[in-house]
């Protein structure tokens, strides 16, 4: 799977002001992926990942747009 994302995902701030960062976003993606049943639905994965970003930021508004792109090779 290939996961591409915009800086709006990594720059999301929590209510305490903590930025998610690229490492936090990748950890969130891994946690989300591990919590899903195989075969993973990419639209469902993306939606759950966006919910994770929203949970991190709480009630705060996004400061930037969030773009996700997920790709998987099907043989």
N, C-alpha and C. Protein backbone atom coordinates (compact mmCIF):
# COMPACT_ATOMS: atom_id res chain seq x y z
N UNK A 1 0.85 -1.17 0.00
CA UNK A 1 0.00 0.00 0.00
C UNK A 1 0.89 1.23 0.00
N UNK A 2 0.45 2.22 -0.73
CA UNK A 2 1.10 3.53 -0.74
C UNK A 2 0.14 4.51 -0.10
N UNK A 3 0.64 5.28 0.85
CA UNK A 3 -0.15 6.30 1.52
C UNK A 3 0.55 7.64 1.33
N UNK A 4 -0.11 8.55 0.65
CA UNK A 4 0.39 9.92 0.49
C UNK A 4 -0.56 10.85 1.21
N UNK A 5 -0.02 11.90 1.79
CA UNK A 5 -0.86 12.82 2.58
C UNK A 5 -0.29 14.21 2.53
N UNK A 6 -1.17 15.18 2.69
CA UNK A 6 -0.75 16.58 2.70
C UNK A 6 -0.32 17.00 4.11
N UNK A 7 0.33 18.14 4.17
CA UNK A 7 0.80 18.63 5.46
C UNK A 7 -0.33 19.02 6.40
N UNK A 8 -1.54 19.16 5.87
CA UNK A 8 -2.68 19.45 6.75
C UNK A 8 -2.93 18.34 7.74
N UNK A 9 -2.59 17.10 7.36
CA UNK A 9 -2.75 15.96 8.27
C UNK A 9 -1.69 15.99 9.37
N UNK A 10 -0.47 16.32 9.02
CA UNK A 10 0.61 16.28 10.00
C UNK A 10 0.68 17.53 10.87
N UNK A 11 0.10 18.61 10.39
CA UNK A 11 0.14 19.87 11.14
C UNK A 11 -1.11 20.10 11.98
N UNK A 12 -1.99 19.10 12.07
CA UNK A 12 -3.18 19.23 12.91
C UNK A 12 -2.75 19.35 14.37
N UNK A 13 -3.31 20.31 15.08
CA UNK A 13 -2.96 20.56 16.47
C UNK A 13 -4.04 20.01 17.40
N UNK A 14 -3.58 19.46 18.51
CA UNK A 14 -4.51 19.01 19.55
C UNK A 14 -5.02 20.23 20.31
N UNK A 15 -6.04 20.06 21.14
CA UNK A 15 -6.50 21.19 21.96
C UNK A 15 -5.39 21.77 22.84
N UNK A 16 -4.40 20.94 23.20
CA UNK A 16 -3.28 21.41 24.02
C UNK A 16 -2.20 22.07 23.17
N UNK A 17 -2.39 22.11 21.84
CA UNK A 17 -1.43 22.76 20.96
C UNK A 17 -0.37 21.85 20.39
N UNK A 18 -0.45 20.55 20.66
CA UNK A 18 0.55 19.62 20.16
C UNK A 18 0.26 19.26 18.71
N UNK A 19 1.27 19.40 17.87
CA UNK A 19 1.14 19.07 16.46
C UNK A 19 1.22 17.56 16.29
N UNK A 20 0.43 17.01 15.37
CA UNK A 20 0.44 15.57 15.15
C UNK A 20 1.78 15.10 14.62
N UNK A 21 2.41 15.80 13.73
CA UNK A 21 3.69 15.52 13.07
C UNK A 21 3.59 14.31 12.14
N UNK A 22 4.58 14.17 11.27
CA UNK A 22 4.56 13.05 10.33
C UNK A 22 4.73 11.71 11.05
N UNK A 23 5.51 11.70 12.11
CA UNK A 23 5.69 10.44 12.86
C UNK A 23 4.41 10.04 13.58
N UNK A 24 3.71 11.01 14.14
CA UNK A 24 2.45 10.73 14.80
C UNK A 24 1.39 10.28 13.82
N UNK A 25 1.38 10.89 12.63
CA UNK A 25 0.41 10.50 11.61
C UNK A 25 0.69 9.08 11.11
N UNK A 26 1.96 8.76 10.90
CA UNK A 26 2.30 7.41 10.46
C UNK A 26 1.98 6.37 11.54
N UNK A 27 2.18 6.72 12.80
CA UNK A 27 1.80 5.82 13.90
C UNK A 27 0.29 5.63 13.92
N UNK A 28 -0.45 6.70 13.70
CA UNK A 28 -1.91 6.62 13.62
C UNK A 28 -2.34 5.74 12.46
N UNK A 29 -1.67 5.86 11.32
CA UNK A 29 -2.00 5.05 10.16
C UNK A 29 -1.73 3.57 10.45
N UNK A 30 -0.61 3.28 11.10
CA UNK A 30 -0.28 1.89 11.43
C UNK A 30 -1.30 1.31 12.42
N UNK A 31 -1.64 2.07 13.44
CA UNK A 31 -2.62 1.64 14.43
C UNK A 31 -3.98 1.39 13.77
N UNK A 32 -4.36 2.28 12.86
CA UNK A 32 -5.63 2.14 12.15
C UNK A 32 -5.61 0.88 11.30
N UNK A 33 -4.54 0.67 10.57
CA UNK A 33 -4.41 -0.48 9.68
C UNK A 33 -4.44 -1.79 10.46
N UNK A 34 -3.74 -1.83 11.57
CA UNK A 34 -3.70 -3.05 12.38
C UNK A 34 -5.05 -3.38 13.02
N UNK A 35 -5.89 -2.38 13.17
CA UNK A 35 -7.20 -2.60 13.77
C UNK A 35 -8.27 -3.01 12.77
N UNK A 36 -7.88 -3.17 11.52
CA UNK A 36 -8.85 -3.52 10.48
C UNK A 36 -8.69 -4.97 10.04
N UNK A 37 -9.79 -5.54 9.58
CA UNK A 37 -9.76 -6.90 9.08
C UNK A 37 -9.27 -6.92 7.64
N UNK A 38 -8.61 -8.02 7.27
CA UNK A 38 -8.16 -8.23 5.90
C UNK A 38 -9.30 -8.76 5.06
N UNK A 39 -9.41 -8.46 3.82
CA UNK A 39 -8.64 -7.46 3.09
C UNK A 39 -9.10 -6.06 3.48
N UNK A 40 -8.14 -5.17 3.60
CA UNK A 40 -8.42 -3.81 4.04
C UNK A 40 -9.09 -3.04 2.90
N UNK A 41 -10.20 -2.41 3.21
CA UNK A 41 -10.89 -1.52 2.27
C UNK A 41 -10.20 -0.16 2.33
N UNK A 42 -9.63 0.28 1.22
CA UNK A 42 -8.92 1.56 1.22
C UNK A 42 -9.83 2.75 1.54
N UNK A 43 -11.06 2.80 1.01
CA UNK A 43 -11.94 3.92 1.42
C UNK A 43 -12.23 3.91 2.93
N UNK A 44 -12.43 2.72 3.49
CA UNK A 44 -12.69 2.62 4.94
C UNK A 44 -11.44 3.02 5.73
N UNK A 45 -10.27 2.58 5.27
CA UNK A 45 -9.01 2.95 5.92
C UNK A 45 -8.84 4.46 5.93
N UNK A 46 -9.07 5.09 4.78
CA UNK A 46 -8.93 6.54 4.68
C UNK A 46 -9.90 7.25 5.62
N UNK A 47 -11.13 6.78 5.66
CA UNK A 47 -12.14 7.40 6.53
C UNK A 47 -11.74 7.27 7.99
N UNK A 48 -11.28 6.09 8.40
CA UNK A 48 -10.87 5.89 9.79
C UNK A 48 -9.65 6.73 10.13
N UNK A 49 -8.76 6.89 9.17
CA UNK A 49 -7.58 7.72 9.39
C UNK A 49 -7.98 9.19 9.57
N UNK A 50 -8.92 9.65 8.78
CA UNK A 50 -9.41 11.03 8.93
C UNK A 50 -10.10 11.22 10.28
N UNK A 51 -10.82 10.21 10.75
CA UNK A 51 -11.44 10.27 12.08
C UNK A 51 -10.35 10.37 13.15
N UNK A 52 -9.25 9.64 12.96
CA UNK A 52 -8.13 9.72 13.90
C UNK A 52 -7.53 11.11 13.97
N UNK A 53 -7.38 11.76 12.82
CA UNK A 53 -6.87 13.14 12.79
C UNK A 53 -7.85 14.06 13.51
N UNK A 54 -9.13 13.86 13.25
CA UNK A 54 -10.16 14.68 13.89
C UNK A 54 -10.16 14.45 15.41
N UNK A 55 -9.97 13.23 15.84
CA UNK A 55 -9.90 12.92 17.27
C UNK A 55 -8.70 13.62 17.90
N UNK A 56 -7.56 13.63 17.20
CA UNK A 56 -6.36 14.30 17.71
C UNK A 56 -6.61 15.79 17.92
N UNK A 57 -7.30 16.41 16.98
CA UNK A 57 -7.49 17.87 17.07
C UNK A 57 -8.66 18.26 17.95
N UNK A 58 -9.51 17.32 18.32
CA UNK A 58 -10.64 17.65 19.18
C UNK A 58 -11.60 18.59 18.47
N UNK A 59 -12.02 19.63 19.15
CA UNK A 59 -12.98 20.59 18.59
C UNK A 59 -12.30 21.69 17.79
N UNK A 60 -10.98 21.72 17.79
CA UNK A 60 -10.27 22.77 17.07
C UNK A 60 -10.51 22.64 15.56
N UNK A 61 -10.58 23.76 14.88
CA UNK A 61 -10.75 23.74 13.44
C UNK A 61 -9.43 23.39 12.76
N UNK A 62 -9.54 22.75 11.61
CA UNK A 62 -8.33 22.47 10.84
C UNK A 62 -7.74 23.78 10.34
N UNK A 63 -6.43 23.86 10.37
CA UNK A 63 -5.76 25.06 9.91
C UNK A 63 -5.45 24.98 8.42
N UNK A 64 -5.53 23.77 7.86
CA UNK A 64 -5.19 23.53 6.46
C UNK A 64 -6.04 22.36 5.98
N UNK A 65 -6.15 22.23 4.67
CA UNK A 65 -6.89 21.09 4.13
C UNK A 65 -6.10 19.79 4.37
N UNK A 66 -6.81 18.68 4.43
CA UNK A 66 -6.19 17.37 4.59
C UNK A 66 -6.51 16.56 3.35
N UNK A 67 -5.47 16.10 2.68
CA UNK A 67 -5.63 15.28 1.50
C UNK A 67 -4.94 13.94 1.74
N UNK A 68 -5.65 12.85 1.46
CA UNK A 68 -5.09 11.51 1.58
C UNK A 68 -5.21 10.81 0.23
N UNK A 69 -4.19 10.02 -0.10
CA UNK A 69 -4.23 9.19 -1.28
C UNK A 69 -3.71 7.82 -0.89
N UNK A 70 -4.53 6.81 -1.08
CA UNK A 70 -4.12 5.44 -0.77
C UNK A 70 -4.19 4.61 -2.06
N UNK A 71 -3.14 3.87 -2.30
CA UNK A 71 -3.05 3.02 -3.49
C UNK A 71 -2.60 1.63 -3.08
N UNK A 72 -3.11 0.66 -3.82
CA UNK A 72 -2.68 -0.71 -3.58
C UNK A 72 -2.59 -1.39 -4.94
N UNK A 73 -1.57 -2.15 -5.12
CA UNK A 73 -1.41 -2.93 -6.36
C UNK A 73 -2.25 -4.18 -6.27
N UNK A 74 -3.03 -4.42 -7.30
CA UNK A 74 -3.85 -5.61 -7.37
C UNK A 74 -3.30 -6.45 -8.51
N UNK A 75 -2.95 -7.69 -8.18
CA UNK A 75 -2.37 -8.53 -9.24
C UNK A 75 -3.38 -9.51 -9.80
